C-alpha atoms as a PDB file:
ATOM      1  CA  UNK A   1     -27.573 -30.507 -21.203  1.00  0.00           C
ATOM      2  CA  UNK A   2     -26.595 -26.929 -20.488  1.00  0.00           C
ATOM      3  CA  UNK A   3     -28.232 -23.822 -19.073  1.00  0.00           C
ATOM      4  CA  UNK A   4     -25.868 -20.875 -19.290  1.00  0.00           C
ATOM      5  CA  UNK A   5     -26.833 -17.629 -17.577  1.00  0.00           C
ATOM      6  CA  UNK A   6     -25.368 -14.279 -18.509  1.00  0.00           C
ATOM      7  CA  UNK A   7     -26.017 -10.596 -17.959  1.00  0.00           C
ATOM      8  CA  UNK A   8     -25.305 -10.311 -14.259  1.00  0.00           C
ATOM      9  CA  UNK A   9     -23.108  -7.631 -12.772  1.00  0.00           C
ATOM     10  CA  UNK A  10     -22.963  -4.566 -10.566  1.00  0.00           C
ATOM     11  CA  UNK A  11     -25.712  -1.972 -10.872  1.00  0.00           C
ATOM     12  CA  UNK A  12     -26.776   1.024  -8.815  1.00  0.00           C
ATOM     13  CA  UNK A  13     -30.105   1.073  -6.969  1.00  0.00           C
ATOM     14  CA  UNK A  14     -32.870   2.012  -9.370  1.00  0.00           C
ATOM     15  CA  UNK A  15     -30.983   0.605 -12.309  1.00  0.00           C
ATOM     16  CA  UNK A  16     -31.811  -2.242 -14.677  1.00  0.00           C
ATOM     17  CA  UNK A  17     -30.272  -5.492 -15.838  1.00  0.00           C
ATOM     18  CA  UNK A  18     -31.371  -8.145 -18.284  1.00  0.00           C
ATOM     19  CA  UNK A  19     -30.397 -11.714 -17.546  1.00  0.00           C
ATOM     20  CA  UNK A  20     -30.323 -14.347 -20.269  1.00  0.00           C
ATOM     21  CA  UNK A  21     -30.263 -18.117 -20.017  1.00  0.00           C
ATOM     22  CA  UNK A  22     -29.283 -20.063 -23.104  1.00  0.00           C
ATOM     23  CA  UNK A  23     -30.386 -23.693 -23.159  1.00  0.00           C
ATOM     24  CA  UNK A  24     -29.030 -26.631 -25.097  1.00  0.00           C
ATOM     25  CA  UNK A  25     -29.220 -30.410 -25.044  1.00  0.00           C
ATOM     26  CA  UNK A  26     -32.948 -30.744 -24.362  1.00  0.00           C
ATOM     27  CA  UNK A  27     -36.292 -29.742 -25.861  1.00  0.00           C
ATOM     28  CA  UNK A  28     -36.447 -26.198 -24.539  1.00  0.00           C
ATOM     29  CA  UNK A  29     -39.970 -25.505 -25.776  1.00  0.00           C
ATOM     30  CA  UNK A  30     -41.358 -28.419 -23.760  1.00  0.00           C
ATOM     31  CA  UNK A  31     -40.030 -27.134 -20.449  1.00  0.00           C
ATOM     32  CA  UNK A  32     -41.426 -24.642 -17.972  1.00  0.00           C
ATOM     33  CA  UNK A  33     -38.695 -22.138 -17.202  1.00  0.00           C
ATOM     34  CA  UNK A  34     -38.030 -20.432 -13.895  1.00  0.00           C
ATOM     35  CA  UNK A  35     -35.603 -17.984 -12.364  1.00  0.00           C
ATOM     36  CA  UNK A  36     -34.500 -18.467  -8.763  1.00  0.00           C
ATOM     37  CA  UNK A  37     -32.148 -16.450  -6.630  1.00  0.00           C
ATOM     38  CA  UNK A  38     -30.121 -17.177  -3.538  1.00  0.00           C
ATOM     39  CA  UNK A  39     -28.090 -15.234  -1.019  1.00  0.00           C
ATOM     40  CA  UNK A  40     -25.645 -16.773   1.489  1.00  0.00           C
ATOM     41  CA  UNK A  41     -27.393 -18.396   4.414  1.00  0.00           C
ATOM     42  CA  UNK A  42     -30.838 -18.252   2.829  1.00  0.00           C
ATOM     43  CA  UNK A  43     -32.956 -20.730   0.927  1.00  0.00           C
ATOM     44  CA  UNK A  44     -33.245 -20.427  -2.812  1.00  0.00           C
ATOM     45  CA  UNK A  45     -36.158 -18.102  -3.676  1.00  0.00           C
ATOM     46  CA  UNK A  46     -38.447 -18.491  -6.683  1.00  0.00           C
ATOM     47  CA  UNK A  47     -38.405 -15.232  -8.634  1.00  0.00           C
ATOM     48  CA  UNK A  48     -40.423 -15.886 -11.788  1.00  0.00           C
ATOM     49  CA  UNK A  49     -41.993 -18.665 -13.851  1.00  0.00           C
ATOM     50  CA  UNK A  50     -43.007 -18.837 -17.508  1.00  0.00           C
ATOM     51  CA  UNK A  51     -45.038 -21.538 -19.222  1.00  0.00           C
ATOM     52  CA  UNK A  52     -43.775 -23.570 -22.148  1.00  0.00           C
ATOM     53  CA  UNK A  53     -45.279 -21.321 -24.819  1.00  0.00           C
ATOM     54  CA  UNK A  54     -44.787 -18.153 -22.823  1.00  0.00           C
ATOM     55  CA  UNK A  55     -48.464 -17.361 -22.400  1.00  0.00           C
ATOM     56  CA  UNK A  56     -48.481 -17.567 -18.623  1.00  0.00           C
ATOM     57  CA  UNK A  57     -46.136 -15.961 -16.120  1.00  0.00           C
ATOM     58  CA  UNK A  58     -45.920 -15.749 -12.346  1.00  0.00           C
ATOM     59  CA  UNK A  59     -43.748 -13.703 -10.020  1.00  0.00           C
ATOM     60  CA  UNK A  60     -42.646 -13.680  -6.442  1.00  0.00           C
ATOM     61  CA  UNK A  61     -44.229 -10.935  -4.369  1.00  0.00           C
ATOM     62  CA  UNK A  62     -40.910  -9.168  -3.877  1.00  0.00           C
ATOM     63  CA  UNK A  63     -40.383  -8.604  -7.609  1.00  0.00           C
ATOM     64  CA  UNK A  64     -43.905  -8.089  -8.951  1.00  0.00           C
ATOM     65  CA  UNK A  65     -44.145  -4.980 -11.086  1.00  0.00           C
ATOM     66  CA  UNK A  66     -40.360  -4.688 -11.398  1.00  0.00           C
ATOM     67  CA  UNK A  67     -39.224  -7.917 -13.092  1.00  0.00           C
ATOM     68  CA  UNK A  68     -40.434  -9.479 -16.344  1.00  0.00           C
ATOM     69  CA  UNK A  69     -39.742 -13.009 -17.495  1.00  0.00           C
ATOM     70  CA  UNK A  70     -39.922 -13.868 -21.192  1.00  0.00           C
ATOM     71  CA  UNK A  71     -38.712 -16.565 -23.530  1.00  0.00           C
ATOM     72  CA  UNK A  72     -37.790 -17.060 -27.162  1.00  0.00           C
ATOM     73  CA  UNK A  73     -38.299 -20.709 -28.065  1.00  0.00           C
ATOM     74  CA  UNK A  74     -36.695 -20.184 -31.476  1.00  0.00           C
ATOM     75  CA  UNK A  75     -33.490 -19.132 -29.700  1.00  0.00           C
ATOM     76  CA  UNK A  76     -33.797 -21.583 -26.766  1.00  0.00           C
ATOM     77  CA  UNK A  77     -33.404 -18.660 -24.410  1.00  0.00           C
ATOM     78  CA  UNK A  78     -35.240 -17.313 -21.385  1.00  0.00           C
ATOM     79  CA  UNK A  79     -34.804 -13.772 -20.113  1.00  0.00           C
ATOM     80  CA  UNK A  80     -35.332 -11.863 -16.910  1.00  0.00           C
ATOM     81  CA  UNK A  81     -35.677  -8.112 -17.276  1.00  0.00           C
ATOM     82  CA  UNK A  82     -35.043  -6.502 -13.910  1.00  0.00           C
ATOM     83  CA  UNK A  83     -35.984  -2.864 -13.408  1.00  0.00           C
ATOM     84  CA  UNK A  84     -35.887  -0.535 -10.422  1.00  0.00           C
ATOM     85  CA  UNK A  85     -33.365  -2.783  -8.742  1.00  0.00           C
ATOM     86  CA  UNK A  86     -32.924  -2.623  -4.979  1.00  0.00           C
ATOM     87  CA  UNK A  87     -30.021  -3.668  -2.751  1.00  0.00           C
ATOM     88  CA  UNK A  88     -32.135  -6.568  -1.497  1.00  0.00           C
ATOM     89  CA  UNK A  89     -32.196  -7.966  -5.047  1.00  0.00           C
ATOM     90  CA  UNK A  90     -28.505  -8.759  -4.668  1.00  0.00           C
ATOM     91  CA  UNK A  91     -28.125 -12.511  -5.120  1.00  0.00           C
ATOM     92  CA  UNK A  92     -26.930 -15.256  -7.396  1.00  0.00           C
ATOM     93  CA  UNK A  93     -29.627 -15.801 -10.013  1.00  0.00           C
ATOM     94  CA  UNK A  94     -30.227 -19.286 -11.355  1.00  0.00           C
ATOM     95  CA  UNK A  95     -32.070 -20.494 -14.416  1.00  0.00           C
ATOM     96  CA  UNK A  96     -34.142 -23.680 -13.998  1.00  0.00           C
ATOM     97  CA  UNK A  97     -35.944 -25.894 -16.502  1.00  0.00           C
ATOM     98  CA  UNK A  98     -38.709 -28.332 -15.592  1.00  0.00           C
ATOM     99  CA  UNK A  99     -40.592 -30.721 -17.836  1.00  0.00           C
ATOM    100  CA  UNK A 100     -44.207 -30.691 -16.663  1.00  0.00           C
ATOM    101  CA  UNK A 101     -44.888 -34.387 -17.294  1.00  0.00           C
ATOM    102  CA  UNK A 102     -43.468 -37.449 -15.504  1.00  0.00           C
ATOM    103  CA  UNK A 103     -40.647 -38.128 -14.926  1.00  0.00           C
ATOM    104  CA  UNK A 104     -40.461 -34.322 -14.631  1.00  0.00           C
ATOM    105  CA  UNK A 105     -36.817 -34.010 -15.607  1.00  0.00           C
ATOM    106  CA  UNK A 106     -35.220 -30.784 -14.441  1.00  0.00           C
ATOM    107  CA  UNK A 107     -32.016 -28.867 -14.998  1.00  0.00           C
ATOM    108  CA  UNK A 108     -30.180 -26.006 -13.288  1.00  0.00           C
ATOM    109  CA  UNK A 109     -27.829 -23.381 -14.599  1.00  0.00           C
ATOM    110  CA  UNK A 110     -24.617 -22.415 -12.825  1.00  0.00           C
ATOM    111  CA  UNK A 111     -25.864 -19.008 -11.716  1.00  0.00           C
ATOM    112  CA  UNK A 112     -24.928 -15.403 -12.351  1.00  0.00           C
ATOM    113  CA  UNK A 113     -24.177 -12.810  -9.690  1.00  0.00           C
ATOM    114  CA  UNK A 114     -26.280  -9.664  -9.472  1.00  0.00           C
ATOM    115  CA  UNK A 115     -25.082  -6.969  -7.087  1.00  0.00           C
ATOM    116  CA  UNK A 116     -27.125  -3.833  -6.453  1.00  0.00           C
ATOM    117  CA  UNK A 117     -25.068  -1.231  -4.662  1.00  0.00           C
ATOM    118  CA  UNK A 118     -24.129   2.425  -4.830  1.00  0.00           C
END
């Protein structure tokens, strides 16, 4: 099983980035997908969630209206489009997969660094 994030980097405030998470080794289309982020000394924060078919999404209050989560089940990939980035968005971003039925197997990616700075 693998979740491989990409697309992180350094961006100026107000800029945009698109993160991707490529999945393999499990039935991607059967899993709810989430993006989390974490900064040193803080708990991991839920950023966005997308349902298995992509018809339902949810966002953390701090990113609503700026971030968009989407998925392509044919490509086994989930995306996070991040617009109007702020310095406080700086974090390591993690991709997470969760099967909604027992035993609710879950998987984490290794993370990708996003730094928002001028």
